Amino acid sequence: QMDGTFIRQKCLANPLARQILDKLLPMPVNLIYCHEDTVYARHHDLSRHQERRSHHLPMPADMGDITPLKIGASGTEEAIHAAYQLISCQFGQTVHVAKSSPHFLEITDASATKSAAIAFLAQQLNIQREAIIAFGDSMNDLDMLSYAGTGVAMGNAINELKAIATYVAESNDNDGVAKMLHRLLSHEEDLP
């Protein structure tokens, strides 16, 4: 839909979200709990985040029946790595855990991935997987680039993404998406 309505969404089950929060709350990370159009936040280190995100609501001690679309954590590289390891080991089959940067972790329902979203849309629009071109730059794009018929890593992408990509485009700052689409669609590059 082009009117902004959700076509499909998958929230984390509330009991699972509570268990994840229980594991993350003692850690030295800042947390966000995204529910529909509301973002709740709990800052571990308030001195660094004073009023920086005024549109975030303070996270209540008990989230009640609120089911999040995503739980996010930010912090030092070491803290995010520890949170990633903990959540992956304890909840790995029931959630999708991805680092969108060395300092930010995203936790969603296991079926709420970028590749699942593309597959769903492709089915709805009758588009073959081979005809899909996806662009990415972070670890949270890995499943999407792996799924797409043509995966393009941006020039500023992490090396792990560049290693699995079909092509590497110029950076975001240098109009890499537009330039690569022009090359692919004008057949300057052969699609696999």
N, C-alpha and C. Protein backbone atom coordinates (compact mmCIF):
# COMPACT_ATOMS: atom_id res chain seq x y z
N GLN A 1 0.84 -1.17 0.00
CA GLN A 1 0.00 0.00 0.00
C GLN A 1 0.89 1.24 0.00
N MET A 2 0.50 2.24 -0.73
CA MET A 2 1.28 3.46 -0.78
C MET A 2 0.73 4.54 0.15
N ASP A 3 -0.31 4.21 0.93
CA ASP A 3 -0.92 5.20 1.81
C ASP A 3 -0.38 5.15 3.23
N GLY A 4 0.66 4.35 3.47
CA GLY A 4 1.26 4.28 4.79
C GLY A 4 0.67 3.23 5.72
N THR A 5 -0.34 2.51 5.27
CA THR A 5 -0.90 1.46 6.13
C THR A 5 0.02 0.25 6.11
N PHE A 6 0.02 -0.46 7.21
CA PHE A 6 0.83 -1.67 7.30
C PHE A 6 0.24 -2.76 6.43
N ILE A 7 1.06 -3.42 5.67
CA ILE A 7 0.62 -4.57 4.89
C ILE A 7 0.73 -5.81 5.76
N ARG A 8 1.79 -5.85 6.55
CA ARG A 8 2.03 -7.00 7.42
C ARG A 8 3.01 -6.57 8.50
N GLN A 9 2.80 -7.04 9.71
CA GLN A 9 3.77 -6.81 10.78
C GLN A 9 3.75 -7.99 11.73
N LYS A 10 4.86 -8.23 12.35
CA LYS A 10 4.98 -9.34 13.30
C LYS A 10 5.67 -8.81 14.55
N CYS A 11 4.94 -8.80 15.63
CA CYS A 11 5.47 -8.33 16.91
C CYS A 11 6.12 -9.47 17.67
N LEU A 12 6.99 -9.11 18.59
CA LEU A 12 7.51 -10.09 19.54
C LEU A 12 6.39 -10.43 20.51
N ALA A 13 6.24 -11.68 20.86
CA ALA A 13 5.23 -12.07 21.84
C ALA A 13 5.58 -11.39 23.17
N ASN A 14 4.56 -10.91 23.87
CA ASN A 14 4.80 -10.16 25.09
C ASN A 14 5.62 -10.93 26.13
N PRO A 15 5.30 -12.20 26.41
CA PRO A 15 6.11 -12.91 27.41
C PRO A 15 7.58 -13.02 26.99
N LEU A 16 7.82 -13.23 25.71
CA LEU A 16 9.18 -13.31 25.20
C LEU A 16 9.88 -11.96 25.34
N ALA A 17 9.18 -10.88 24.99
CA ALA A 17 9.75 -9.54 25.10
C ALA A 17 10.13 -9.24 26.55
N ARG A 18 9.29 -9.64 27.48
CA ARG A 18 9.59 -9.43 28.90
C ARG A 18 10.85 -10.19 29.31
N GLN A 19 10.99 -11.43 28.85
CA GLN A 19 12.18 -12.22 29.17
C GLN A 19 13.45 -11.56 28.60
N ILE A 20 13.35 -11.04 27.39
CA ILE A 20 14.49 -10.38 26.76
C ILE A 20 14.85 -9.12 27.55
N LEU A 21 13.85 -8.32 27.91
CA LEU A 21 14.12 -7.12 28.71
C LEU A 21 14.76 -7.47 30.04
N ASP A 22 14.28 -8.54 30.67
CA ASP A 22 14.86 -8.96 31.95
C ASP A 22 16.35 -9.27 31.80
N LYS A 23 16.75 -9.80 30.66
CA LYS A 23 18.17 -10.10 30.41
C LYS A 23 18.97 -8.83 30.10
N LEU A 24 18.35 -7.89 29.39
CA LEU A 24 19.08 -6.70 28.95
C LEU A 24 19.13 -5.59 30.00
N LEU A 25 18.12 -5.48 30.84
CA LEU A 25 18.06 -4.38 31.81
C LEU A 25 19.31 -4.27 32.70
N PRO A 26 19.89 -5.37 33.19
CA PRO A 26 21.09 -5.22 34.03
C PRO A 26 22.36 -4.86 33.24
N MET A 27 22.30 -4.93 31.93
CA MET A 27 23.49 -4.69 31.12
C MET A 27 23.71 -3.19 30.90
N PRO A 28 24.95 -2.79 30.65
CA PRO A 28 25.24 -1.36 30.43
C PRO A 28 24.89 -0.91 29.00
N VAL A 29 23.61 -1.01 28.65
CA VAL A 29 23.12 -0.61 27.33
C VAL A 29 21.90 0.27 27.48
N ASN A 30 21.68 1.10 26.48
CA ASN A 30 20.45 1.89 26.39
C ASN A 30 19.45 1.05 25.61
N LEU A 31 18.19 1.11 26.02
CA LEU A 31 17.17 0.27 25.38
C LEU A 31 16.07 1.11 24.76
N ILE A 32 15.56 0.62 23.62
CA ILE A 32 14.32 1.15 23.06
C ILE A 32 13.36 -0.01 22.85
N TYR A 33 12.11 0.28 22.99
CA TYR A 33 11.04 -0.70 22.89
C TYR A 33 10.02 -0.10 21.93
N CYS A 34 10.01 -0.53 20.69
CA CYS A 34 9.19 0.08 19.64
C CYS A 34 7.84 -0.62 19.53
N HIS A 35 6.79 0.15 19.74
CA HIS A 35 5.42 -0.37 19.65
C HIS A 35 4.60 0.57 18.80
N GLU A 36 4.15 0.07 17.64
CA GLU A 36 3.38 0.88 16.69
C GLU A 36 4.11 2.19 16.44
N ASP A 37 3.51 3.33 16.77
CA ASP A 37 4.18 4.61 16.52
C ASP A 37 4.80 5.22 17.78
N THR A 38 4.96 4.41 18.82
CA THR A 38 5.53 4.88 20.07
C THR A 38 6.86 4.18 20.35
N VAL A 39 7.83 4.95 20.79
CA VAL A 39 9.12 4.39 21.17
C VAL A 39 9.36 4.72 22.64
N TYR A 40 9.54 3.67 23.43
CA TYR A 40 9.87 3.81 24.84
C TYR A 40 11.38 3.64 24.97
N ALA A 41 11.99 4.41 25.86
CA ALA A 41 13.44 4.34 26.01
C ALA A 41 13.84 4.26 27.47
N ARG A 42 14.92 3.55 27.70
CA ARG A 42 15.56 3.49 29.01
C ARG A 42 17.04 3.67 28.77
N HIS A 43 17.58 4.77 29.30
CA HIS A 43 18.98 5.10 29.09
C HIS A 43 19.82 4.65 30.27
N HIS A 44 20.82 3.85 29.95
CA HIS A 44 21.74 3.38 30.98
C HIS A 44 22.60 4.53 31.47
N ASP A 45 23.07 5.36 30.56
CA ASP A 45 23.94 6.47 30.89
C ASP A 45 23.25 7.76 30.46
N LEU A 46 22.51 8.37 31.39
CA LEU A 46 21.72 9.55 31.06
C LEU A 46 22.58 10.73 30.65
N SER A 47 23.81 10.82 31.13
CA SER A 47 24.65 11.97 30.81
C SER A 47 24.91 12.07 29.31
N ARG A 48 24.94 10.94 28.62
CA ARG A 48 25.22 10.95 27.17
C ARG A 48 23.95 11.16 26.35
N HIS A 49 22.79 10.99 26.94
CA HIS A 49 21.55 11.00 26.15
C HIS A 49 20.53 12.00 26.68
N GLN A 50 20.98 12.99 27.42
CA GLN A 50 20.07 13.95 28.02
C GLN A 50 19.21 14.61 26.96
N GLU A 51 17.94 14.33 26.96
CA GLU A 51 16.96 14.96 26.07
C GLU A 51 17.32 14.84 24.59
N ARG A 52 18.19 13.92 24.25
CA ARG A 52 18.58 13.77 22.85
C ARG A 52 17.43 13.25 22.00
N ARG A 53 16.64 12.40 22.56
CA ARG A 53 15.51 11.81 21.85
C ARG A 53 14.22 12.17 22.59
N SER A 54 13.84 13.42 22.51
CA SER A 54 12.69 13.87 23.29
C SER A 54 11.39 13.21 22.85
N HIS A 55 11.36 12.62 21.63
CA HIS A 55 10.13 11.96 21.18
C HIS A 55 10.00 10.55 21.76
N HIS A 56 11.03 10.07 22.45
CA HIS A 56 10.94 8.78 23.12
C HIS A 56 10.28 8.98 24.48
N LEU A 57 9.39 8.06 24.82
CA LEU A 57 8.77 8.10 26.14
C LEU A 57 9.62 7.29 27.10
N PRO A 58 9.64 7.66 28.38
CA PRO A 58 10.40 6.85 29.34
C PRO A 58 9.80 5.44 29.42
N MET A 59 10.67 4.45 29.50
CA MET A 59 10.22 3.06 29.58
C MET A 59 9.68 2.80 30.99
N PRO A 60 8.40 2.39 31.09
CA PRO A 60 7.85 2.07 32.42
C PRO A 60 8.55 0.84 33.01
N ALA A 61 8.50 0.73 34.32
CA ALA A 61 9.10 -0.43 34.98
C ALA A 61 8.43 -1.72 34.52
N ASP A 62 7.15 -1.66 34.23
CA ASP A 62 6.43 -2.83 33.72
C ASP A 62 5.77 -2.44 32.39
N MET A 63 6.16 -3.12 31.32
CA MET A 63 5.62 -2.79 30.00
C MET A 63 4.21 -3.35 29.79
N GLY A 64 3.66 -4.03 30.80
CA GLY A 64 2.29 -4.51 30.72
C GLY A 64 2.09 -5.44 29.54
N ASP A 65 1.01 -5.21 28.80
CA ASP A 65 0.67 -6.04 27.65
C ASP A 65 1.18 -5.49 26.32
N ILE A 66 2.06 -4.51 26.38
CA ILE A 66 2.55 -3.89 25.15
C ILE A 66 3.47 -4.86 24.42
N THR A 67 3.15 -5.12 23.17
CA THR A 67 3.96 -6.03 22.35
C THR A 67 4.81 -5.21 21.39
N PRO A 68 6.12 -5.37 21.45
CA PRO A 68 6.97 -4.54 20.60
C PRO A 68 7.18 -5.13 19.20
N LEU A 69 7.34 -4.24 18.23
CA LEU A 69 7.79 -4.65 16.91
C LEU A 69 9.28 -4.96 16.97
N LYS A 70 9.99 -4.20 17.82
CA LYS A 70 11.43 -4.36 17.92
C LYS A 70 11.90 -3.90 19.29
N ILE A 71 12.92 -4.57 19.79
CA ILE A 71 13.66 -4.10 20.95
C ILE A 71 15.05 -3.74 20.42
N GLY A 72 15.52 -2.56 20.76
CA GLY A 72 16.84 -2.14 20.34
C GLY A 72 17.72 -1.87 21.54
N ALA A 73 19.01 -2.06 21.35
CA ALA A 73 19.98 -1.75 22.40
C ALA A 73 21.15 -1.00 21.78
N SER A 74 21.61 0.02 22.47
CA SER A 74 22.79 0.74 22.00
C SER A 74 23.78 0.86 23.15
N GLY A 75 25.04 0.96 22.79
CA GLY A 75 26.08 1.06 23.81
C GLY A 75 27.45 0.91 23.20
N THR A 76 28.40 0.61 24.05
CA THR A 76 29.76 0.40 23.55
C THR A 76 29.80 -0.86 22.71
N GLU A 77 30.82 -0.97 21.89
CA GLU A 77 30.97 -2.16 21.05
C GLU A 77 31.02 -3.42 21.90
N GLU A 78 31.71 -3.35 23.03
CA GLU A 78 31.83 -4.51 23.92
C GLU A 78 30.48 -4.87 24.53
N ALA A 79 29.73 -3.87 24.98
CA ALA A 79 28.42 -4.13 25.60
C ALA A 79 27.45 -4.71 24.58
N ILE A 80 27.47 -4.18 23.35
CA ILE A 80 26.56 -4.69 22.32
C ILE A 80 26.95 -6.11 21.92
N HIS A 81 28.23 -6.38 21.85
CA HIS A 81 28.67 -7.74 21.53
C HIS A 81 28.21 -8.72 22.63
N ALA A 82 28.34 -8.31 23.88
CA ALA A 82 27.89 -9.17 24.99
C ALA A 82 26.37 -9.37 24.94
N ALA A 83 25.63 -8.32 24.64
CA ALA A 83 24.16 -8.44 24.54
C ALA A 83 23.79 -9.34 23.37
N TYR A 84 24.49 -9.19 22.25
CA TYR A 84 24.24 -10.03 21.07
C TYR A 84 24.46 -11.51 21.42
N GLN A 85 25.58 -11.80 22.07
CA GLN A 85 25.89 -13.19 22.44
C GLN A 85 24.83 -13.75 23.39
N LEU A 86 24.46 -12.97 24.39
CA LEU A 86 23.49 -13.43 25.39
C LEU A 86 22.13 -13.71 24.75
N ILE A 87 21.61 -12.77 23.98
CA ILE A 87 20.28 -12.94 23.39
C ILE A 87 20.30 -14.03 22.34
N SER A 88 21.35 -14.09 21.53
CA SER A 88 21.46 -15.14 20.50
C SER A 88 21.48 -16.53 21.12
N CYS A 89 22.25 -16.68 22.19
CA CYS A 89 22.37 -18.00 22.83
C CYS A 89 21.09 -18.41 23.54
N GLN A 90 20.45 -17.48 24.22
CA GLN A 90 19.28 -17.84 25.02
C GLN A 90 17.96 -17.83 24.25
N PHE A 91 17.89 -17.05 23.18
CA PHE A 91 16.62 -16.91 22.46
C PHE A 91 16.77 -17.12 20.96
N GLY A 92 17.89 -17.62 20.51
CA GLY A 92 18.27 -17.68 19.10
C GLY A 92 17.24 -18.20 18.13
N GLN A 93 16.49 -19.22 18.46
CA GLN A 93 15.52 -19.79 17.52
C GLN A 93 14.19 -19.04 17.50
N THR A 94 13.94 -18.23 18.53
CA THR A 94 12.64 -17.55 18.63
C THR A 94 12.69 -16.09 18.23
N VAL A 95 13.91 -15.55 18.07
CA VAL A 95 14.05 -14.16 17.69
C VAL A 95 15.09 -14.01 16.59
N HIS A 96 15.04 -12.87 15.92
CA HIS A 96 16.08 -12.50 14.95
C HIS A 96 16.90 -11.40 15.63
N VAL A 97 18.20 -11.65 15.76
CA VAL A 97 19.09 -10.71 16.42
C VAL A 97 20.11 -10.24 15.39
N ALA A 98 20.23 -8.93 15.22
CA ALA A 98 21.17 -8.40 14.23
C ALA A 98 21.79 -7.10 14.75
N LYS A 99 23.06 -6.93 14.43
CA LYS A 99 23.74 -5.67 14.73
C LYS A 99 23.60 -4.78 13.49
N SER A 100 22.98 -3.62 13.66
CA SER A 100 22.92 -2.70 12.54
C SER A 100 24.14 -1.79 12.52
N SER A 101 24.90 -1.81 13.60
CA SER A 101 26.21 -1.17 13.68
C SER A 101 26.92 -1.82 14.87
N PRO A 102 28.20 -1.57 15.03
CA PRO A 102 28.88 -2.15 16.20
C PRO A 102 28.30 -1.65 17.52
N HIS A 103 27.52 -0.57 17.45
CA HIS A 103 26.98 0.04 18.66
C HIS A 103 25.47 -0.08 18.79
N PHE A 104 24.81 -0.85 17.90
CA PHE A 104 23.36 -0.97 17.97
C PHE A 104 22.90 -2.37 17.62
N LEU A 105 22.02 -2.91 18.45
CA LEU A 105 21.49 -4.25 18.30
C LEU A 105 19.98 -4.17 18.09
N GLU A 106 19.45 -4.97 17.16
CA GLU A 106 18.02 -5.03 16.90
C GLU A 106 17.52 -6.44 17.16
N ILE A 107 16.41 -6.54 17.88
CA ILE A 107 15.82 -7.83 18.21
C ILE A 107 14.36 -7.80 17.75
N THR A 108 14.01 -8.72 16.88
CA THR A 108 12.64 -8.82 16.37
C THR A 108 12.19 -10.27 16.44
N ASP A 109 10.93 -10.49 16.12
CA ASP A 109 10.43 -11.85 15.98
C ASP A 109 11.27 -12.56 14.92
N ALA A 110 11.44 -13.86 15.06
CA ALA A 110 12.28 -14.62 14.13
C ALA A 110 11.81 -14.49 12.68
N SER A 111 10.53 -14.25 12.48
CA SER A 111 10.01 -14.14 11.11
C SER A 111 9.93 -12.69 10.63
N ALA A 112 10.38 -11.75 11.43
CA ALA A 112 10.33 -10.33 11.06
C ALA A 112 11.71 -9.88 10.59
N THR A 113 12.09 -10.38 9.42
CA THR A 113 13.39 -10.05 8.84
C THR A 113 13.19 -9.31 7.53
N LYS A 114 14.25 -8.70 7.05
CA LYS A 114 14.16 -8.01 5.76
C LYS A 114 13.92 -9.00 4.63
N SER A 115 14.55 -10.16 4.70
CA SER A 115 14.33 -11.15 3.64
C SER A 115 12.89 -11.65 3.65
N ALA A 116 12.31 -11.84 4.82
CA ALA A 116 10.91 -12.28 4.91
C ALA A 116 9.98 -11.21 4.34
N ALA A 117 10.29 -9.94 4.61
CA ALA A 117 9.46 -8.86 4.08
C ALA A 117 9.52 -8.81 2.55
N ILE A 118 10.72 -8.95 2.01
CA ILE A 118 10.87 -8.95 0.55
C ILE A 118 10.16 -10.16 -0.07
N ALA A 119 10.32 -11.32 0.55
CA ALA A 119 9.67 -12.52 0.02
C ALA A 119 8.15 -12.36 0.04
N PHE A 120 7.62 -11.79 1.10
CA PHE A 120 6.18 -11.57 1.19
C PHE A 120 5.70 -10.62 0.10
N LEU A 121 6.38 -9.49 -0.06
CA LEU A 121 6.00 -8.53 -1.10
C LEU A 121 6.14 -9.12 -2.50
N ALA A 122 7.21 -9.87 -2.71
CA ALA A 122 7.41 -10.49 -4.03
C ALA A 122 6.26 -11.44 -4.35
N GLN A 123 5.83 -12.20 -3.36
CA GLN A 123 4.70 -13.11 -3.57
C GLN A 123 3.42 -12.33 -3.88
N GLN A 124 3.17 -11.26 -3.12
CA GLN A 124 1.98 -10.45 -3.33
C GLN A 124 1.96 -9.79 -4.70
N LEU A 125 3.15 -9.41 -5.19
CA LEU A 125 3.26 -8.69 -6.46
C LEU A 125 3.66 -9.60 -7.62
N ASN A 126 3.78 -10.90 -7.34
CA ASN A 126 4.15 -11.89 -8.35
C ASN A 126 5.50 -11.55 -9.02
N ILE A 127 6.48 -11.26 -8.18
CA ILE A 127 7.83 -10.96 -8.65
C ILE A 127 8.73 -12.14 -8.32
N GLN A 128 9.47 -12.60 -9.28
CA GLN A 128 10.40 -13.71 -9.07
C GLN A 128 11.60 -13.24 -8.26
N ARG A 129 12.08 -14.12 -7.42
CA ARG A 129 13.23 -13.81 -6.57
C ARG A 129 14.42 -13.31 -7.39
N GLU A 130 14.63 -13.89 -8.54
CA GLU A 130 15.76 -13.52 -9.39
C GLU A 130 15.67 -12.08 -9.88
N ALA A 131 14.48 -11.51 -9.87
CA ALA A 131 14.28 -10.14 -10.35
C ALA A 131 14.45 -9.09 -9.25
N ILE A 132 14.73 -9.53 -8.04
CA ILE A 132 14.84 -8.61 -6.91
C ILE A 132 16.27 -8.10 -6.78
N ILE A 133 16.40 -6.79 -6.64
CA ILE A 133 17.68 -6.14 -6.37
C ILE A 133 17.56 -5.52 -5.00
N ALA A 134 18.48 -5.85 -4.11
CA ALA A 134 18.47 -5.29 -2.76
C ALA A 134 19.81 -4.63 -2.47
N PHE A 135 19.75 -3.52 -1.72
CA PHE A 135 20.94 -2.76 -1.35
C PHE A 135 21.08 -2.77 0.16
N GLY A 136 22.31 -2.81 0.66
CA GLY A 136 22.52 -2.77 2.09
C GLY A 136 23.92 -2.34 2.46
N ASP A 137 24.08 -2.03 3.77
CA ASP A 137 25.40 -1.62 4.24
C ASP A 137 25.77 -2.16 5.61
N SER A 138 24.83 -2.81 6.30
CA SER A 138 25.09 -3.29 7.66
C SER A 138 24.73 -4.76 7.82
N MET A 139 25.10 -5.33 8.97
CA MET A 139 24.82 -6.74 9.23
C MET A 139 23.32 -7.04 9.23
N ASN A 140 22.49 -6.05 9.57
CA ASN A 140 21.05 -6.32 9.54
C ASN A 140 20.51 -6.41 8.11
N ASP A 141 21.37 -6.22 7.12
CA ASP A 141 20.98 -6.38 5.71
C ASP A 141 21.45 -7.71 5.13
N LEU A 142 22.18 -8.49 5.90
CA LEU A 142 22.78 -9.73 5.40
C LEU A 142 21.75 -10.70 4.84
N ASP A 143 20.68 -10.96 5.58
CA ASP A 143 19.68 -11.92 5.09
C ASP A 143 18.98 -11.41 3.84
N MET A 144 18.79 -10.10 3.75
CA MET A 144 18.12 -9.52 2.59
C MET A 144 18.99 -9.64 1.33
N LEU A 145 20.27 -9.33 1.45
CA LEU A 145 21.16 -9.45 0.30
C LEU A 145 21.35 -10.90 -0.11
N SER A 146 21.35 -11.80 0.86
CA SER A 146 21.47 -13.23 0.55
C SER A 146 20.23 -13.74 -0.18
N TYR A 147 19.07 -13.20 0.16
CA TYR A 147 17.82 -13.64 -0.46
C TYR A 147 17.63 -13.10 -1.87
N ALA A 148 17.96 -11.85 -2.07
CA ALA A 148 17.69 -11.19 -3.35
C ALA A 148 18.44 -11.85 -4.50
N GLY A 149 17.84 -11.78 -5.68
CA GLY A 149 18.52 -12.28 -6.86
C GLY A 149 19.82 -11.55 -7.12
N THR A 150 19.83 -10.25 -6.85
CA THR A 150 21.03 -9.43 -6.96
C THR A 150 21.19 -8.65 -5.66
N GLY A 151 22.22 -8.97 -4.91
CA GLY A 151 22.52 -8.27 -3.67
C GLY A 151 23.64 -7.27 -3.90
N VAL A 152 23.40 -6.02 -3.53
CA VAL A 152 24.39 -4.98 -3.74
C VAL A 152 24.79 -4.38 -2.39
N ALA A 153 26.08 -4.49 -2.09
CA ALA A 153 26.62 -3.85 -0.89
C ALA A 153 27.06 -2.44 -1.26
N MET A 154 26.81 -1.50 -0.39
CA MET A 154 27.24 -0.13 -0.63
C MET A 154 28.74 -0.03 -0.40
N GLY A 155 29.37 0.94 -1.01
CA GLY A 155 30.80 1.14 -0.85
C GLY A 155 31.20 1.34 0.60
N ASN A 156 30.31 1.89 1.41
CA ASN A 156 30.56 2.11 2.83
C ASN A 156 30.09 0.93 3.69
N ALA A 157 29.72 -0.17 3.05
CA ALA A 157 29.22 -1.35 3.79
C ALA A 157 30.35 -2.03 4.55
N ILE A 158 29.94 -2.82 5.53
CA ILE A 158 30.92 -3.63 6.26
C ILE A 158 31.45 -4.73 5.34
N ASN A 159 32.65 -5.18 5.62
CA ASN A 159 33.31 -6.17 4.76
C ASN A 159 32.54 -7.47 4.64
N GLU A 160 31.88 -7.91 5.71
CA GLU A 160 31.11 -9.16 5.66
C GLU A 160 30.00 -9.09 4.61
N LEU A 161 29.42 -7.93 4.45
CA LEU A 161 28.36 -7.75 3.46
C LEU A 161 28.94 -7.70 2.05
N LYS A 162 30.04 -7.00 1.90
CA LYS A 162 30.70 -6.93 0.59
C LYS A 162 31.10 -8.33 0.11
N ALA A 163 31.47 -9.20 1.04
CA ALA A 163 31.94 -10.54 0.69
C ALA A 163 30.83 -11.40 0.08
N ILE A 164 29.57 -11.16 0.47
CA ILE A 164 28.47 -12.00 -0.04
C ILE A 164 27.68 -11.33 -1.16
N ALA A 165 27.96 -10.06 -1.41
CA ALA A 165 27.20 -9.30 -2.40
C ALA A 165 27.55 -9.71 -3.83
N THR A 166 26.56 -9.56 -4.70
CA THR A 166 26.79 -9.77 -6.13
C THR A 166 27.64 -8.64 -6.68
N TYR A 167 27.35 -7.42 -6.23
CA TYR A 167 28.08 -6.22 -6.65
C TYR A 167 28.35 -5.35 -5.44
N VAL A 168 29.34 -4.47 -5.57
CA VAL A 168 29.60 -3.43 -4.59
C VAL A 168 29.43 -2.10 -5.31
N ALA A 169 28.52 -1.27 -4.80
CA ALA A 169 28.24 0.04 -5.40
C ALA A 169 29.14 1.09 -4.75
N GLU A 170 29.07 2.29 -5.28
CA GLU A 170 29.74 3.40 -4.62
C GLU A 170 29.02 3.66 -3.29
N SER A 171 29.58 4.52 -2.47
CA SER A 171 29.02 4.77 -1.14
C SER A 171 27.67 5.50 -1.21
N ASN A 172 26.96 5.49 -0.09
CA ASN A 172 25.70 6.22 0.02
C ASN A 172 25.91 7.70 -0.29
N ASP A 173 26.99 8.25 0.23
CA ASP A 173 27.27 9.68 0.04
C ASP A 173 27.57 10.04 -1.41
N ASN A 174 27.88 9.04 -2.22
CA ASN A 174 28.23 9.29 -3.62
C ASN A 174 27.15 8.76 -4.57
N ASP A 175 25.89 8.72 -4.09
CA ASP A 175 24.75 8.29 -4.91
C ASP A 175 24.91 6.88 -5.44
N GLY A 176 25.47 5.99 -4.62
CA GLY A 176 25.75 4.63 -5.05
C GLY A 176 24.53 3.85 -5.51
N VAL A 177 23.38 4.02 -4.85
CA VAL A 177 22.18 3.29 -5.23
C VAL A 177 21.74 3.72 -6.63
N ALA A 178 21.64 5.02 -6.85
CA ALA A 178 21.19 5.53 -8.15
C ALA A 178 22.14 5.10 -9.26
N LYS A 179 23.43 5.20 -9.02
CA LYS A 179 24.41 4.83 -10.05
C LYS A 179 24.35 3.34 -10.37
N MET A 180 24.22 2.50 -9.34
CA MET A 180 24.16 1.06 -9.58
C MET A 180 22.86 0.68 -10.28
N LEU A 181 21.75 1.27 -9.88
CA LEU A 181 20.48 0.98 -10.58
C LEU A 181 20.58 1.37 -12.05
N HIS A 182 21.18 2.50 -12.33
CA HIS A 182 21.35 2.92 -13.72
C HIS A 182 22.18 1.89 -14.48
N ARG A 183 23.29 1.44 -13.88
CA ARG A 183 24.15 0.45 -14.54
C ARG A 183 23.41 -0.86 -14.77
N LEU A 184 22.67 -1.32 -13.75
CA LEU A 184 21.98 -2.60 -13.87
C LEU A 184 20.81 -2.52 -14.85
N LEU A 185 20.04 -1.47 -14.77
CA LEU A 185 18.84 -1.37 -15.60
C LEU A 185 19.14 -0.96 -17.03
N SER A 186 20.30 -0.35 -17.26
CA SER A 186 20.69 0.00 -18.63
C SER A 186 21.59 -1.08 -19.20
N HIS A 187 21.75 -2.18 -18.44
CA HIS A 187 22.54 -3.35 -18.83
C HIS A 187 24.01 -3.07 -19.02
N GLU A 188 24.52 -2.01 -18.34
CA GLU A 188 25.97 -1.82 -18.29
C GLU A 188 26.61 -2.92 -17.47
N GLU A 189 25.83 -3.48 -16.53
CA GLU A 189 26.24 -4.65 -15.75
C GLU A 189 25.25 -5.75 -16.09
N ASP A 190 25.73 -6.95 -16.26
CA ASP A 190 24.83 -8.08 -16.52
C ASP A 190 24.25 -8.59 -15.22
N LEU A 191 22.96 -8.72 -15.17
CA LEU A 191 22.33 -9.32 -14.00
C LEU A 191 22.65 -10.81 -14.00
N PRO A 192 22.90 -11.36 -12.81
CA PRO A 192 23.23 -12.80 -12.76
C PRO A 192 22.08 -13.66 -13.23
